[in-house]
C-alpha atoms as a PDB file:
ATOM      1  CA  MET A   1      -2.101 -17.693 -13.353  1.00  0.00           C
ATOM      2  CA  LYS A   2       1.069 -19.157 -12.015  1.00  0.00           C
ATOM      3  CA  LYS A   3       2.408 -16.281 -11.632  1.00  0.00           C
ATOM      4  CA  ARG A   4      -0.696 -14.777  -9.943  1.00  0.00           C
ATOM      5  CA  ILE A   5      -1.054 -17.067  -7.023  1.00  0.00           C
ATOM      6  CA  PRO A   6       2.236 -15.833  -5.110  1.00  0.00           C
ATOM      7  CA  TYR A   7       1.115 -12.777  -5.439  1.00  0.00           C
ATOM      8  CA  ILE A   8      -2.045 -13.527  -4.001  1.00  0.00           C
ATOM      9  CA  ILE A   9      -0.885 -15.503  -0.742  1.00  0.00           C
ATOM     10  CA  ILE A  10       1.350 -12.512  -0.398  1.00  0.00           C
ATOM     11  CA  LEU A  11      -1.223 -10.192  -0.371  1.00  0.00           C
ATOM     12  CA  ILE A  12      -3.349 -12.234   2.010  1.00  0.00           C
ATOM     13  CA  LEU A  13      -0.646 -12.358   4.191  1.00  0.00           C
ATOM     14  CA  LEU A  14      -0.397  -8.731   3.955  1.00  0.00           C
ATOM     15  CA  ILE A  15      -3.715  -7.844   4.594  1.00  0.00           C
ATOM     16  CA  ALA A  16      -3.942 -10.020   7.616  1.00  0.00           C
ATOM     17  CA  VAL A  17      -0.929  -7.776   9.061  1.00  0.00           C
ATOM     18  CA  GLU A  18      -2.370  -4.557   8.426  1.00  0.00           C
ATOM     19  CA  VAL A  19      -5.238  -6.046  10.376  1.00  0.00           C
ATOM     20  CA  VAL A  20      -3.226  -7.315  13.441  1.00  0.00           C
ATOM     21  CA  ILE A  21      -1.445  -4.097  13.241  1.00  0.00           C
ATOM     22  CA  ALA A  22      -5.139  -2.184  13.434  1.00  0.00           C
ATOM     23  CA  LEU A  23      -6.930  -3.772  15.711  1.00  0.00           C
ATOM     24  CA  THR A  24      -3.510  -3.797  18.445  1.00  0.00           C
ATOM     25  CA  GLN A  25      -0.867  -1.184  17.705  1.00  0.00           C
ATOM     26  CA  HIS A  26      -2.506   2.367  19.042  1.00  0.00           C
ATOM     27  CA  GLY A  27      -0.485   5.687  19.017  1.00  0.00           C
ATOM     28  CA  ASN A  28       2.958   4.106  18.072  1.00  0.00           C
ATOM     29  CA  TRP A  29       5.255   4.413  15.051  1.00  0.00           C
ATOM     30  CA  LEU A  30       4.339   0.365  13.815  1.00  0.00           C
ATOM     31  CA  ARG A  31       0.788   1.748  13.281  1.00  0.00           C
ATOM     32  CA  TYR A  32       1.557   5.651  12.086  1.00  0.00           C
ATOM     33  CA  TYR A  33       4.354   4.324   9.631  1.00  0.00           C
ATOM     34  CA  GLY A  34       4.657   0.760   9.404  1.00  0.00           C
ATOM     35  CA  GLY A  35       1.207   0.218   8.147  1.00  0.00           C
ATOM     36  CA  ASP A  36       1.699   2.714   5.450  1.00  0.00           C
ATOM     37  CA  VAL A  37       5.298   1.429   4.133  1.00  0.00           C
ATOM     38  CA  ILE A  38       3.290  -2.185   4.167  1.00  0.00           C
ATOM     39  CA  VAL A  39       0.112  -0.703   2.234  1.00  0.00           C
ATOM     40  CA  VAL A  40       2.296  -0.459  -0.784  1.00  0.00           C
ATOM     41  CA  TRP A  41       3.644  -3.976  -0.445  1.00  0.00           C
ATOM     42  CA  ALA A  42      -0.271  -4.970  -0.381  1.00  0.00           C
ATOM     43  CA  VAL A  43      -1.501  -2.733  -3.372  1.00  0.00           C
ATOM     44  CA  TYR A  44       1.770  -4.047  -5.801  1.00  0.00           C
ATOM     45  CA  CYS A  45       0.568  -7.389  -4.410  1.00  0.00           C
ATOM     46  CA  LEU A  46      -2.945  -6.716  -5.495  1.00  0.00           C
ATOM     47  CA  VAL A  47      -1.976  -5.037  -8.811  1.00  0.00           C
ATOM     48  CA  GLN A  48       0.553  -7.796  -9.951  1.00  0.00           C
ATOM     49  CA  ALA A  49      -2.155 -10.769  -9.014  1.00  0.00           C
ATOM     50  CA  ILE A  50      -4.168  -8.859 -11.760  1.00  0.00           C
ATOM     51  CA  ILE A  51      -1.935  -8.236 -13.950  1.00  0.00           C
ATOM     52  CA  GLY A  52      -0.259 -10.815 -13.692  1.00  0.00           C
ATOM     53  CA  GLY A  53       3.929 -10.361 -12.904  1.00  0.00           C
ATOM     54  CA  LYS A  54       4.292  -7.616 -15.397  1.00  0.00           C
ATOM     55  CA  ASN A  55       7.386  -5.249 -14.940  1.00  0.00           C
ATOM     56  CA  PRO A  56       7.647  -5.001 -11.260  1.00  0.00           C
ATOM     57  CA  TYR A  57       9.391  -1.543 -11.366  1.00  0.00           C
ATOM     58  CA  ILE A  58       7.204   0.218 -13.171  1.00  0.00           C
ATOM     59  CA  THR A  59       4.490  -1.650 -10.939  1.00  0.00           C
ATOM     60  CA  HIS A  60       5.741  -0.117  -7.725  1.00  0.00           C
ATOM     61  CA  ILE A  61       6.504   3.315  -9.152  1.00  0.00           C
ATOM     62  CA  GLY A  62       2.879   3.208 -10.378  1.00  0.00           C
ATOM     63  CA  VAL A  63       1.525   2.059  -6.897  1.00  0.00           C
ATOM     64  CA  LEU A  64       3.887   4.882  -5.198  1.00  0.00           C
ATOM     65  CA  LEU A  65       2.108   7.360  -7.554  1.00  0.00           C
ATOM     66  CA  PHE A  66      -1.250   5.892  -7.040  1.00  0.00           C
ATOM     67  CA  ALA A  67      -0.207   6.644  -2.875  1.00  0.00           C
ATOM     68  CA  PHE A  68       0.741   9.701  -3.024  1.00  0.00           C
ATOM     69  CA  LEU A  69      -2.766  10.555  -5.260  1.00  0.00           C
ATOM     70  CA  VAL A  70      -4.485   9.112  -1.887  1.00  0.00           C
ATOM     71  CA  GLU A  71      -2.427  11.161   0.323  1.00  0.00           C
ATOM     72  CA  PHE A  72      -3.114  14.399  -1.657  1.00  0.00           C
ATOM     73  CA  LEU A  73      -6.618  13.512  -2.546  1.00  0.00           C
ATOM     74  CA  GLN A  74      -6.886  13.175   2.044  1.00  0.00           C
ATOM     75  CA  TYR A  75      -5.498  16.838   1.944  1.00  0.00           C
ATOM     76  CA  ILE A  76      -8.247  18.468   0.176  1.00  0.00           C
ATOM     77  CA  HIS A  77     -10.799  16.038   2.326  1.00  0.00           C
ATOM     78  CA  ILE A  78     -12.186  14.313  -1.151  1.00  0.00           C
ATOM     79  CA  VAL A  79     -13.872  11.776   1.378  1.00  0.00           C
ATOM     80  CA  ASP A  80     -16.422  14.698   1.942  1.00  0.00           C
ATOM     81  CA  ILE A  81     -16.078  16.104  -1.327  1.00  0.00           C
ATOM     82  CA  ILE A  82     -17.876  13.136  -2.971  1.00  0.00           C
ATOM     83  CA  GLY A  83     -20.309  13.105  -0.177  1.00  0.00           C
ATOM     84  CA  LEU A  84     -19.023   9.575   2.023  1.00  0.00           C
ATOM     85  CA  GLY A  85     -17.409  11.720   5.148  1.00  0.00           C
ATOM     86  CA  ASN A  86     -20.676  10.085   7.402  1.00  0.00           C
ATOM     87  CA  ILE A  87     -19.906   6.640   5.788  1.00  0.00           C
ATOM     88  CA  GLU A  88     -17.165   4.977   8.317  1.00  0.00           C
ATOM     89  CA  PHE A  89     -15.948   2.434   5.961  1.00  0.00           C
ATOM     90  CA  PHE A  90     -15.516   5.221   3.423  1.00  0.00           C
ATOM     91  CA  ARG A  91     -13.329   7.575   5.769  1.00  0.00           C
ATOM     92  CA  ILE A  92     -11.517   4.317   6.804  1.00  0.00           C
ATOM     93  CA  LEU A  93     -10.987   3.453   2.965  1.00  0.00           C
ATOM     94  CA  ILE A  94      -9.672   6.363   1.902  1.00  0.00           C
ATOM     95  CA  GLY A  95      -8.677   8.221   4.774  1.00  0.00           C
ATOM     96  CA  THR A  96      -9.257  11.811   6.059  1.00  0.00           C
ATOM     97  CA  SER A  97      -6.024  13.208   7.481  1.00  0.00           C
ATOM     98  CA  PHE A  98      -2.970  14.778   5.392  1.00  0.00           C
ATOM     99  CA  ALA A  99       0.423  13.917   6.657  1.00  0.00           C
ATOM    100  CA  VAL A 100       3.594  14.472   5.370  1.00  0.00           C
ATOM    101  CA  GLU A 101       5.040  11.487   6.851  1.00  0.00           C
ATOM    102  CA  ASP A 102       2.763   9.103   5.647  1.00  0.00           C
ATOM    103  CA  LEU A 103       4.310   9.827   1.782  1.00  0.00           C
ATOM    104  CA  PHE A 104       7.837   9.004   2.983  1.00  0.00           C
ATOM    105  CA  SER A 105       6.468   5.660   4.571  1.00  0.00           C
ATOM    106  CA  TYR A 106       5.545   5.403   0.994  1.00  0.00           C
ATOM    107  CA  ALA A 107       8.217   6.010  -0.558  1.00  0.00           C
ATOM    108  CA  LEU A 108      10.668   3.696   1.801  1.00  0.00           C
ATOM    109  CA  GLY A 109       8.096   0.955   1.420  1.00  0.00           C
ATOM    110  CA  THR A 110       7.858   1.497  -2.503  1.00  0.00           C
ATOM    111  CA  ALA A 111      12.490   1.209  -2.256  1.00  0.00           C
ATOM    112  CA  VAL A 112      12.166  -1.789   0.047  1.00  0.00           C
ATOM    113  CA  GLY A 113       9.441  -3.663  -2.646  1.00  0.00           C
ATOM    114  CA  ILE A 114      11.669  -2.519  -5.588  1.00  0.00           C
ATOM    115  CA  GLY A 115      15.001  -3.667  -3.885  1.00  0.00           C
ATOM    116  CA  GLY A 116      13.218  -6.839  -2.759  1.00  0.00           C
ATOM    117  CA  SER A 117      12.605  -7.319  -6.814  1.00  0.00           C
ATOM    118  CA  PHE A 118      15.501  -6.706  -8.129  1.00  0.00           C
ATOM    119  CA  LEU A 119      17.072  -9.265  -5.820  1.00  0.00           C
ATOM    120  CA  TYR A 120      14.645 -11.661  -6.369  1.00  0.00           C
ATOM    121  CA  LYS A 121      15.490 -11.132 -10.085  1.00  0.00           C
ATOM    122  CA  LYS A 122      18.958 -11.263  -9.603  1.00  0.00           C
ATOM    123  CA  MET A 123      18.728 -15.164  -7.931  1.00  0.00           C
ATOM    124  CA  GLN A 124      17.216 -15.938 -10.654  1.00  0.00           C
ATOM    125  CA  LYS A 125      19.754 -15.687 -12.910  1.00  0.00           C
END
């Protein structure tokens, strides 16, 4: 449990940042790209909180692949296909529009996360 607590705390902070961005930033780069960079960090922290701080590199890559999958599911309008398109919560949660730029934002967020994990491991030695 001790390994999970830092991830839970960081996850809560990242969710708070995402909410602030969603509520205050409209039509600028922070809303469109910064949020996507941060969301992969939040998902990473969620996964690590669940699995207990396992291999960070594999987890980062898994989160990136998940983010790519969700983005491609947006491309085929999965929210409408599964019949949830008329429920605003699911339209926001799953998303409704594909953008190649989002893939780059997810990759950048993952690269920063991997770099942070690498530096953290180096500092532990």
